[in-house]
């Protein structure tokens, strides 16, 4: 009876040890972490992007990625250092090799030059194809108009976008046809 108990203890310890090893393996722990970061990206002396985040976790391995578990705020500037657009979100993950980014929870994109605002809960950005899209409810505000859709696709600069299952308020101006 004692030998059965000892065997059971050995096997249970082995399982617990395997669980511990799995939880503490290097693939599950961030290689780098930082708090309250502000990163400035520039090109030829001109500010292009400012990224702010309360927390950054960087993971290496076969598919390296950066995780922003507490969100981020990114500001984009033009060639004369004027703010053109910005994005806010409560969560983001950026896959370096795939050149893909996913943002979730309270996603807001402001396009200051065009007066557009996009609000959604999830958005994907393919940096290689310069496209953004989602399969989630989206609201776009532009020039006093509000449009809603169940999904969208757009160029990353939001110049041209497709909104699916559109719902919107449209102003109709009646003309006086009596002459």
N, C-alpha and C. Protein backbone atom coordinates (compact mmCIF):
# COMPACT_ATOMS: atom_id res chain seq x y z
N UNK A 1 0.82 -1.19 0.00
CA UNK A 1 0.00 0.00 0.00
C UNK A 1 0.86 1.26 0.00
N UNK A 2 1.93 1.26 0.76
CA UNK A 2 2.83 2.41 0.83
C UNK A 2 3.50 2.65 -0.52
N UNK A 3 3.83 1.55 -1.23
CA UNK A 3 4.48 1.72 -2.54
C UNK A 3 3.53 2.34 -3.55
N UNK A 4 2.24 2.02 -3.48
CA UNK A 4 1.26 2.63 -4.38
C UNK A 4 1.17 4.13 -4.08
N UNK A 5 1.18 4.49 -2.81
CA UNK A 5 1.12 5.89 -2.41
C UNK A 5 2.35 6.65 -2.93
N UNK A 6 3.53 6.04 -2.79
CA UNK A 6 4.77 6.68 -3.25
C UNK A 6 4.75 6.83 -4.76
N UNK A 7 4.27 5.83 -5.50
CA UNK A 7 4.16 5.91 -6.96
C UNK A 7 3.21 7.04 -7.36
N UNK A 8 2.08 7.12 -6.68
CA UNK A 8 1.11 8.17 -6.98
C UNK A 8 1.72 9.54 -6.74
N UNK A 9 2.46 9.69 -5.66
CA UNK A 9 3.11 10.96 -5.36
C UNK A 9 4.15 11.32 -6.41
N UNK A 10 4.91 10.34 -6.88
CA UNK A 10 5.93 10.60 -7.90
C UNK A 10 5.29 11.08 -9.19
N UNK A 11 4.21 10.39 -9.60
CA UNK A 11 3.55 10.79 -10.84
C UNK A 11 2.89 12.16 -10.71
N UNK A 12 2.31 12.44 -9.55
CA UNK A 12 1.67 13.75 -9.38
C UNK A 12 2.72 14.85 -9.34
N UNK A 13 3.87 14.60 -8.75
CA UNK A 13 4.94 15.58 -8.75
C UNK A 13 5.45 15.83 -10.16
N UNK A 14 5.54 14.77 -10.96
CA UNK A 14 6.02 14.91 -12.33
C UNK A 14 5.06 15.79 -13.13
N UNK A 15 3.77 15.58 -12.95
CA UNK A 15 2.79 16.40 -13.66
C UNK A 15 2.87 17.85 -13.20
N UNK A 16 2.99 18.06 -11.90
CA UNK A 16 3.10 19.41 -11.40
C UNK A 16 4.37 20.08 -11.93
N UNK A 17 5.46 19.34 -11.98
CA UNK A 17 6.71 19.88 -12.49
C UNK A 17 6.58 20.23 -13.97
N UNK A 18 5.91 19.39 -14.73
CA UNK A 18 5.70 19.68 -16.15
C UNK A 18 4.86 20.94 -16.32
N UNK A 19 3.86 21.11 -15.48
CA UNK A 19 3.04 22.31 -15.53
C UNK A 19 3.87 23.54 -15.20
N UNK A 20 4.68 23.45 -14.18
CA UNK A 20 5.55 24.57 -13.79
C UNK A 20 6.52 24.91 -14.91
N UNK A 21 7.12 23.89 -15.51
CA UNK A 21 8.06 24.13 -16.61
C UNK A 21 7.35 24.79 -17.79
N UNK A 22 6.15 24.35 -18.08
CA UNK A 22 5.40 24.92 -19.19
C UNK A 22 5.06 26.38 -18.92
N UNK A 23 4.65 26.69 -17.71
CA UNK A 23 4.29 28.06 -17.36
C UNK A 23 5.48 29.00 -17.33
N UNK A 24 6.65 28.49 -17.01
CA UNK A 24 7.83 29.36 -16.91
C UNK A 24 8.76 29.23 -18.10
N UNK A 25 8.33 28.55 -19.16
CA UNK A 25 9.19 28.43 -20.33
C UNK A 25 9.40 29.80 -20.95
N UNK A 26 10.50 29.97 -21.65
CA UNK A 26 10.85 31.28 -22.21
C UNK A 26 9.83 31.77 -23.22
N UNK A 27 9.12 30.87 -23.89
CA UNK A 27 8.15 31.30 -24.89
C UNK A 27 6.97 32.04 -24.28
N UNK A 28 6.68 31.81 -23.01
CA UNK A 28 5.52 32.45 -22.40
C UNK A 28 5.88 33.69 -21.59
N UNK A 29 7.15 33.93 -21.38
CA UNK A 29 7.57 35.11 -20.62
C UNK A 29 8.11 36.18 -21.56
N UNK A 30 7.80 37.44 -21.31
CA UNK A 30 8.35 38.47 -22.18
C UNK A 30 9.86 38.59 -22.02
N UNK A 31 10.55 38.83 -23.12
CA UNK A 31 11.99 39.04 -23.08
C UNK A 31 12.32 40.44 -22.59
N UNK A 32 11.42 41.38 -22.88
CA UNK A 32 11.60 42.77 -22.46
C UNK A 32 10.26 43.31 -21.99
N UNK A 33 10.31 44.22 -21.05
CA UNK A 33 9.09 44.91 -20.63
C UNK A 33 9.45 46.34 -20.26
N UNK A 34 8.48 47.22 -20.46
CA UNK A 34 8.71 48.63 -20.15
C UNK A 34 7.38 49.25 -19.73
N UNK A 35 7.47 50.28 -18.89
CA UNK A 35 6.28 50.98 -18.44
C UNK A 35 6.37 52.45 -18.84
N UNK A 36 5.22 53.03 -19.10
CA UNK A 36 5.10 54.44 -19.45
C UNK A 36 6.08 54.85 -20.55
N UNK A 37 5.98 54.18 -21.69
CA UNK A 37 6.92 54.45 -22.79
C UNK A 37 6.41 55.57 -23.69
N UNK A 38 7.35 56.30 -24.24
CA UNK A 38 7.10 57.29 -25.28
C UNK A 38 8.21 57.09 -26.29
N UNK A 39 7.82 56.72 -27.53
CA UNK A 39 8.80 56.46 -28.59
C UNK A 39 8.54 57.43 -29.73
N UNK A 40 9.60 58.11 -30.18
CA UNK A 40 9.53 59.05 -31.30
C UNK A 40 10.20 58.41 -32.51
N UNK A 41 9.48 58.36 -33.64
CA UNK A 41 10.05 57.87 -34.90
C UNK A 41 10.18 59.06 -35.83
N UNK A 42 11.37 59.21 -36.41
CA UNK A 42 11.56 60.33 -37.34
C UNK A 42 12.25 59.83 -38.61
N UNK A 43 12.16 60.66 -39.66
CA UNK A 43 12.79 60.35 -40.94
C UNK A 43 13.36 61.65 -41.48
N UNK A 44 14.64 61.67 -41.75
CA UNK A 44 15.33 62.85 -42.28
C UNK A 44 15.08 64.08 -41.41
N UNK A 45 15.09 63.89 -40.11
CA UNK A 45 14.94 65.00 -39.19
C UNK A 45 13.50 65.43 -38.94
N UNK A 46 12.54 64.78 -39.59
CA UNK A 46 11.13 65.13 -39.40
C UNK A 46 10.42 64.07 -38.56
N UNK A 47 9.68 64.53 -37.59
CA UNK A 47 8.91 63.64 -36.74
C UNK A 47 7.81 62.98 -37.57
N UNK A 48 7.71 61.66 -37.50
CA UNK A 48 6.69 60.91 -38.26
C UNK A 48 5.63 60.33 -37.33
N UNK A 49 6.07 59.72 -36.23
CA UNK A 49 5.15 59.01 -35.34
C UNK A 49 5.62 59.17 -33.89
N UNK A 50 4.66 59.33 -32.98
CA UNK A 50 4.93 59.27 -31.55
C UNK A 50 4.00 58.20 -30.99
N UNK A 51 4.59 57.22 -30.30
CA UNK A 51 3.83 56.13 -29.69
C UNK A 51 3.95 56.24 -28.18
N UNK A 52 2.80 56.23 -27.51
CA UNK A 52 2.78 56.26 -26.04
C UNK A 52 1.99 55.05 -25.55
N UNK A 53 2.50 54.43 -24.48
CA UNK A 53 1.80 53.29 -23.90
C UNK A 53 2.17 53.15 -22.43
N UNK A 54 1.19 52.76 -21.59
CA UNK A 54 1.50 52.53 -20.19
C UNK A 54 2.35 51.28 -19.97
N UNK A 55 2.26 50.30 -20.90
CA UNK A 55 3.01 49.06 -20.70
C UNK A 55 3.28 48.38 -22.05
N UNK A 56 4.53 47.94 -22.22
CA UNK A 56 4.96 47.21 -23.42
C UNK A 56 5.63 45.92 -22.99
N UNK A 57 5.22 44.81 -23.61
CA UNK A 57 5.86 43.52 -23.40
C UNK A 57 6.34 43.02 -24.75
N UNK A 58 7.62 42.66 -24.84
CA UNK A 58 8.18 42.20 -26.11
C UNK A 58 8.56 40.73 -25.98
N UNK A 59 8.09 39.94 -26.94
CA UNK A 59 8.33 38.50 -26.96
C UNK A 59 9.17 38.15 -28.19
N UNK A 60 10.14 37.26 -28.01
CA UNK A 60 10.96 36.80 -29.11
C UNK A 60 10.58 35.36 -29.44
N UNK A 61 11.27 34.76 -30.36
CA UNK A 61 10.97 33.39 -30.75
C UNK A 61 10.72 33.32 -32.24
N UNK A 62 10.04 32.27 -32.66
CA UNK A 62 9.77 32.07 -34.09
C UNK A 62 8.84 33.15 -34.65
N UNK A 63 7.93 33.64 -33.85
CA UNK A 63 6.98 34.67 -34.28
C UNK A 63 7.01 35.83 -33.27
N UNK A 64 8.05 36.68 -33.32
CA UNK A 64 8.19 37.75 -32.33
C UNK A 64 7.04 38.75 -32.42
N UNK A 65 6.65 39.27 -31.27
CA UNK A 65 5.57 40.26 -31.24
C UNK A 65 5.74 41.19 -30.05
N UNK A 66 5.06 42.34 -30.15
CA UNK A 66 5.01 43.31 -29.07
C UNK A 66 3.56 43.38 -28.60
N UNK A 67 3.38 43.34 -27.30
CA UNK A 67 2.05 43.37 -26.71
C UNK A 67 1.91 44.65 -25.89
N UNK A 68 0.80 45.32 -26.10
CA UNK A 68 0.47 46.52 -25.34
C UNK A 68 -0.82 46.21 -24.57
N UNK A 69 -0.71 45.49 -23.44
CA UNK A 69 -1.90 45.00 -22.75
C UNK A 69 -2.76 46.10 -22.11
N UNK A 70 -2.20 47.27 -21.93
CA UNK A 70 -2.95 48.39 -21.34
C UNK A 70 -3.23 49.48 -22.37
N UNK A 71 -3.06 49.12 -23.65
CA UNK A 71 -3.39 50.04 -24.72
C UNK A 71 -2.23 50.89 -25.20
N UNK A 72 -2.55 51.74 -26.18
CA UNK A 72 -1.56 52.66 -26.72
C UNK A 72 -2.26 53.84 -27.35
N UNK A 73 -1.49 54.88 -27.59
CA UNK A 73 -1.95 56.08 -28.28
C UNK A 73 -0.83 56.45 -29.25
N UNK A 74 -1.15 56.49 -30.54
CA UNK A 74 -0.15 56.77 -31.58
C UNK A 74 -0.56 58.03 -32.31
N UNK A 75 0.41 58.94 -32.50
CA UNK A 75 0.20 60.20 -33.21
C UNK A 75 1.01 60.15 -34.51
N UNK A 76 0.40 60.52 -35.63
CA UNK A 76 1.07 60.52 -36.94
C UNK A 76 1.20 61.95 -37.43
N UNK A 77 2.38 62.27 -38.00
CA UNK A 77 2.68 63.63 -38.45
C UNK A 77 3.05 63.64 -39.92
N UNK A 78 2.81 64.78 -40.60
CA UNK A 78 3.18 64.91 -42.01
C UNK A 78 4.58 65.50 -42.15
N UNK A 79 4.97 65.84 -43.37
CA UNK A 79 6.34 66.30 -43.65
C UNK A 79 6.66 67.65 -43.02
N UNK A 80 5.64 68.41 -42.62
CA UNK A 80 5.90 69.69 -41.95
C UNK A 80 5.60 69.59 -40.45
N UNK A 81 5.64 68.36 -39.92
CA UNK A 81 5.46 68.06 -38.50
C UNK A 81 4.09 68.45 -37.95
N UNK A 82 3.07 68.51 -38.82
CA UNK A 82 1.71 68.78 -38.38
C UNK A 82 1.01 67.45 -38.07
N UNK A 83 0.26 67.41 -36.99
CA UNK A 83 -0.47 66.21 -36.61
C UNK A 83 -1.55 65.92 -37.65
N UNK A 84 -1.51 64.73 -38.25
CA UNK A 84 -2.49 64.37 -39.27
C UNK A 84 -3.54 63.40 -38.76
N UNK A 85 -3.12 62.44 -37.94
CA UNK A 85 -4.08 61.45 -37.44
C UNK A 85 -3.54 60.83 -36.16
N UNK A 86 -4.42 60.11 -35.48
CA UNK A 86 -4.02 59.41 -34.27
C UNK A 86 -4.94 58.22 -34.05
N UNK A 87 -4.44 57.27 -33.29
CA UNK A 87 -5.21 56.09 -32.93
C UNK A 87 -5.07 55.84 -31.44
N UNK A 88 -6.19 55.53 -30.80
CA UNK A 88 -6.22 55.17 -29.38
C UNK A 88 -6.87 53.80 -29.26
N UNK A 89 -6.37 52.99 -28.36
CA UNK A 89 -6.97 51.68 -28.11
C UNK A 89 -6.58 51.20 -26.72
N UNK A 90 -7.37 50.30 -26.17
CA UNK A 90 -7.09 49.76 -24.84
C UNK A 90 -6.24 48.50 -24.88
N UNK A 91 -5.96 47.95 -26.07
CA UNK A 91 -5.16 46.73 -26.20
C UNK A 91 -4.61 46.68 -27.63
N UNK A 92 -3.36 46.25 -27.77
CA UNK A 92 -2.79 46.10 -29.11
C UNK A 92 -1.72 45.02 -29.09
N UNK A 93 -1.57 44.36 -30.24
CA UNK A 93 -0.50 43.38 -30.43
C UNK A 93 0.03 43.56 -31.84
N UNK A 94 1.35 43.61 -31.96
CA UNK A 94 2.00 43.83 -33.25
C UNK A 94 2.94 42.67 -33.54
N UNK A 95 2.70 41.98 -34.66
CA UNK A 95 3.52 40.85 -35.07
C UNK A 95 4.59 41.35 -36.04
N UNK A 96 5.85 41.27 -35.63
CA UNK A 96 6.94 41.87 -36.39
C UNK A 96 7.15 41.22 -37.76
N UNK A 97 7.26 39.90 -37.81
CA UNK A 97 7.53 39.22 -39.07
C UNK A 97 6.37 39.33 -40.05
N UNK A 98 5.16 39.20 -39.56
CA UNK A 98 3.97 39.26 -40.41
C UNK A 98 3.62 40.68 -40.83
N UNK A 99 4.20 41.67 -40.16
CA UNK A 99 3.87 43.08 -40.41
C UNK A 99 2.37 43.31 -40.24
N UNK A 100 1.83 42.73 -39.15
CA UNK A 100 0.40 42.84 -38.86
C UNK A 100 0.22 43.41 -37.45
N UNK A 101 -0.84 44.17 -37.29
CA UNK A 101 -1.17 44.68 -35.97
C UNK A 101 -2.67 44.48 -35.74
N UNK A 102 -3.01 44.13 -34.51
CA UNK A 102 -4.40 43.99 -34.10
C UNK A 102 -4.62 44.92 -32.91
N UNK A 103 -5.65 45.74 -33.00
CA UNK A 103 -6.01 46.61 -31.89
C UNK A 103 -7.44 46.26 -31.46
N UNK A 104 -7.67 46.27 -30.15
CA UNK A 104 -8.97 45.87 -29.59
C UNK A 104 -9.37 46.80 -28.45
N UNK A 105 -10.64 46.82 -28.20
CA UNK A 105 -11.24 47.52 -27.07
C UNK A 105 -11.16 49.04 -27.23
N UNK A 106 -12.28 49.63 -27.48
CA UNK A 106 -12.39 51.10 -27.57
C UNK A 106 -11.41 51.70 -28.57
N UNK A 107 -11.42 51.18 -29.78
CA UNK A 107 -10.53 51.67 -30.84
C UNK A 107 -11.12 52.95 -31.43
N UNK A 108 -10.30 54.00 -31.44
CA UNK A 108 -10.72 55.28 -32.03
C UNK A 108 -9.59 55.76 -32.93
N UNK A 109 -9.94 56.08 -34.18
CA UNK A 109 -8.98 56.67 -35.11
C UNK A 109 -9.50 58.06 -35.48
N UNK A 110 -8.65 59.04 -35.32
CA UNK A 110 -8.97 60.41 -35.70
C UNK A 110 -8.15 60.77 -36.93
N UNK A 111 -8.81 61.27 -37.97
CA UNK A 111 -8.12 61.80 -39.14
C UNK A 111 -8.36 63.31 -39.11
N UNK A 112 -7.38 64.05 -38.62
CA UNK A 112 -7.55 65.48 -38.41
C UNK A 112 -7.67 66.26 -39.71
N UNK A 113 -7.00 65.82 -40.75
CA UNK A 113 -7.04 66.55 -42.03
C UNK A 113 -8.40 66.43 -42.72
N UNK A 114 -9.02 65.26 -42.62
CA UNK A 114 -10.29 65.04 -43.30
C UNK A 114 -11.50 65.16 -42.38
N UNK A 115 -11.24 65.37 -41.10
CA UNK A 115 -12.34 65.49 -40.15
C UNK A 115 -13.10 64.18 -39.94
N UNK A 116 -12.41 63.05 -40.08
CA UNK A 116 -13.04 61.74 -39.90
C UNK A 116 -12.70 61.17 -38.54
N UNK A 117 -13.64 60.36 -38.03
CA UNK A 117 -13.42 59.64 -36.79
C UNK A 117 -14.00 58.24 -36.98
N UNK A 118 -13.22 57.23 -36.67
CA UNK A 118 -13.65 55.84 -36.78
C UNK A 118 -13.65 55.22 -35.40
N UNK A 119 -14.75 54.58 -35.03
CA UNK A 119 -14.87 53.93 -33.72
C UNK A 119 -15.27 52.48 -33.92
N UNK A 120 -14.58 51.56 -33.24
CA UNK A 120 -14.90 50.14 -33.33
C UNK A 120 -14.30 49.42 -32.12
N UNK A 121 -14.52 48.13 -32.06
CA UNK A 121 -13.97 47.32 -30.97
C UNK A 121 -12.77 46.50 -31.39
N UNK A 122 -12.55 46.33 -32.69
CA UNK A 122 -11.40 45.57 -33.18
C UNK A 122 -11.04 46.07 -34.57
N UNK A 123 -9.75 46.11 -34.84
CA UNK A 123 -9.28 46.54 -36.16
C UNK A 123 -7.96 45.84 -36.44
N UNK A 124 -7.80 45.37 -37.67
CA UNK A 124 -6.56 44.71 -38.10
C UNK A 124 -5.87 45.60 -39.11
N UNK A 125 -4.53 45.66 -39.03
CA UNK A 125 -3.74 46.49 -39.94
C UNK A 125 -2.67 45.63 -40.57
N UNK A 126 -2.75 45.47 -41.89
CA UNK A 126 -1.73 44.77 -42.66
C UNK A 126 -0.79 45.84 -43.20
N UNK A 127 0.37 45.99 -42.58
CA UNK A 127 1.30 47.05 -42.95
C UNK A 127 1.88 46.83 -44.34
N UNK A 128 2.09 45.57 -44.74
CA UNK A 128 2.64 45.27 -46.06
C UNK A 128 1.66 45.68 -47.16
N UNK A 129 0.37 45.41 -46.97
CA UNK A 129 -0.65 45.75 -47.97
C UNK A 129 -1.22 47.14 -47.76
N UNK A 130 -0.85 47.78 -46.67
CA UNK A 130 -1.33 49.11 -46.31
C UNK A 130 -2.86 49.16 -46.25
N UNK A 131 -3.43 48.14 -45.61
CA UNK A 131 -4.89 48.00 -45.49
C UNK A 131 -5.29 47.83 -44.03
N UNK A 132 -6.47 48.32 -43.68
CA UNK A 132 -7.07 48.04 -42.38
C UNK A 132 -8.45 47.43 -42.64
N UNK A 133 -8.89 46.57 -41.72
CA UNK A 133 -10.20 45.95 -41.87
C UNK A 133 -10.68 45.41 -40.54
N UNK A 134 -11.95 45.04 -40.51
CA UNK A 134 -12.51 44.34 -39.36
C UNK A 134 -13.78 43.62 -39.77
N UNK A 135 -14.26 42.79 -38.88
CA UNK A 135 -15.54 42.11 -39.03
C UNK A 135 -16.37 42.39 -37.78
N UNK A 136 -16.37 43.64 -37.38
CA UNK A 136 -17.07 44.05 -36.16
C UNK A 136 -17.80 45.37 -36.44
N UNK A 137 -18.73 45.70 -35.58
CA UNK A 137 -19.49 46.93 -35.71
C UNK A 137 -18.54 48.12 -35.77
N UNK A 138 -18.81 49.04 -36.66
CA UNK A 138 -17.96 50.22 -36.83
C UNK A 138 -18.83 51.45 -37.04
N UNK A 139 -18.37 52.58 -36.50
CA UNK A 139 -19.03 53.86 -36.72
C UNK A 139 -18.01 54.80 -37.33
N UNK A 140 -18.42 55.50 -38.37
CA UNK A 140 -17.55 56.50 -39.01
C UNK A 140 -18.29 57.83 -38.97
N UNK A 141 -17.63 58.83 -38.41
CA UNK A 141 -18.18 60.18 -38.35
C UNK A 141 -17.36 61.04 -39.30
N UNK A 142 -18.08 61.75 -40.18
CA UNK A 142 -17.39 62.58 -41.16
C UNK A 142 -18.29 63.74 -41.56
N UNK A 143 -17.79 64.95 -41.42
CA UNK A 143 -18.51 66.16 -41.83
C UNK A 143 -19.95 66.20 -41.30
N UNK A 144 -20.13 65.87 -40.04
CA UNK A 144 -21.45 65.91 -39.44
C UNK A 144 -22.32 64.71 -39.75
N UNK A 145 -21.86 63.81 -40.59
CA UNK A 145 -22.61 62.59 -40.91
C UNK A 145 -22.10 61.44 -40.05
N UNK A 146 -23.01 60.53 -39.73
CA UNK A 146 -22.64 59.34 -38.97
C UNK A 146 -23.09 58.11 -39.74
N UNK A 147 -22.15 57.21 -40.01
CA UNK A 147 -22.44 55.96 -40.72
C UNK A 147 -22.06 54.80 -39.82
N UNK A 148 -22.87 53.74 -39.86
CA UNK A 148 -22.61 52.54 -39.10
C UNK A 148 -22.52 51.37 -40.07
N UNK A 149 -21.73 50.39 -39.72
CA UNK A 149 -21.65 49.17 -40.52
C UNK A 149 -21.25 47.99 -39.66
N UNK A 150 -21.42 46.80 -40.21
CA UNK A 150 -21.07 45.58 -39.48
C UNK A 150 -19.64 45.14 -39.73
N UNK A 151 -18.98 45.73 -40.72
CA UNK A 151 -17.57 45.45 -41.00
C UNK A 151 -17.07 46.51 -41.98
N UNK A 152 -15.75 46.55 -42.17
CA UNK A 152 -15.18 47.54 -43.08
C UNK A 152 -13.83 47.10 -43.60
N UNK A 153 -13.45 47.70 -44.72
CA UNK A 153 -12.11 47.56 -45.30
C UNK A 153 -11.71 48.94 -45.80
N UNK A 154 -10.41 49.27 -45.65
CA UNK A 154 -9.97 50.60 -46.09
C UNK A 154 -8.47 50.61 -46.32
N UNK A 155 -8.03 51.61 -47.09
CA UNK A 155 -6.60 51.90 -47.15
C UNK A 155 -6.21 52.39 -45.77
N UNK A 156 -4.94 52.20 -45.41
CA UNK A 156 -4.53 52.57 -44.06
C UNK A 156 -4.71 54.06 -43.76
N UNK A 157 -4.72 54.89 -44.78
CA UNK A 157 -4.92 56.33 -44.55
C UNK A 157 -6.40 56.72 -44.58
N UNK A 158 -7.28 55.75 -44.72
CA UNK A 158 -8.73 55.93 -44.74
C UNK A 158 -9.23 56.81 -45.89
N UNK A 159 -8.40 56.99 -46.94
CA UNK A 159 -8.84 57.76 -48.10
C UNK A 159 -10.06 57.10 -48.76
N UNK A 160 -10.00 55.81 -48.92
CA UNK A 160 -11.09 55.07 -49.54
C UNK A 160 -11.45 53.92 -48.60
N UNK A 161 -12.72 53.81 -48.26
CA UNK A 161 -13.12 52.69 -47.40
C UNK A 161 -14.42 52.08 -47.89
N UNK A 162 -14.59 50.81 -47.59
CA UNK A 162 -15.82 50.09 -47.88
C UNK A 162 -16.45 49.75 -46.54
N UNK A 163 -17.71 50.09 -46.40
CA UNK A 163 -18.47 49.83 -45.19
C UNK A 163 -19.57 48.85 -45.57
N UNK A 164 -19.71 47.76 -44.83
CA UNK A 164 -20.67 46.71 -45.18
C UNK A 164 -21.85 46.73 -44.21
N UNK A 165 -23.04 46.40 -44.74
CA UNK A 165 -24.29 46.44 -43.97
C UNK A 165 -24.46 47.84 -43.38
N UNK A 166 -24.47 48.82 -44.27
CA UNK A 166 -24.45 50.23 -43.89
C UNK A 166 -25.80 50.68 -43.33
N UNK A 167 -25.71 51.49 -42.29
CA UNK A 167 -26.85 52.20 -41.73
C UNK A 167 -26.37 53.63 -41.51
N UNK A 168 -27.16 54.58 -41.97
CA UNK A 168 -26.72 55.98 -41.84
C UNK A 168 -27.93 56.90 -41.82
N UNK A 169 -27.70 58.09 -41.33
CA UNK A 169 -28.69 59.14 -41.40
C UNK A 169 -28.30 60.02 -42.58
N UNK A 170 -29.24 60.20 -43.49
CA UNK A 170 -28.96 60.97 -44.71
C UNK A 170 -29.88 62.18 -44.73
N UNK A 171 -29.29 63.34 -44.93
CA UNK A 171 -30.08 64.56 -45.05
C UNK A 171 -30.60 64.67 -46.47
N UNK A 172 -31.90 64.89 -46.61
CA UNK A 172 -32.51 65.07 -47.93
C UNK A 172 -32.98 66.52 -48.01
N UNK A 173 -32.51 67.17 -49.03
CA UNK A 173 -32.89 68.56 -49.23
C UNK A 173 -33.97 68.59 -50.30
N UNK A 174 -35.13 69.07 -49.93
CA UNK A 174 -36.22 69.18 -50.89
C UNK A 174 -36.10 70.49 -51.66
N UNK A 175 -36.27 70.38 -52.95
CA UNK A 175 -36.23 71.57 -53.78
C UNK A 175 -37.65 71.99 -54.12
N UNK A 176 -37.85 73.24 -54.22
CA UNK A 176 -39.16 73.75 -54.61
C UNK A 176 -39.32 73.53 -56.11
N UNK A 177 -40.26 72.68 -56.48
CA UNK A 177 -40.45 72.34 -57.91
C UNK A 177 -41.51 73.21 -58.56
N UNK A 178 -42.18 74.05 -57.78
CA UNK A 178 -43.20 74.92 -58.34
C UNK A 178 -42.52 76.19 -58.85
N UNK A 179 -42.71 76.47 -60.11
CA UNK A 179 -42.11 77.68 -60.71
C UNK A 179 -43.15 78.72 -60.99
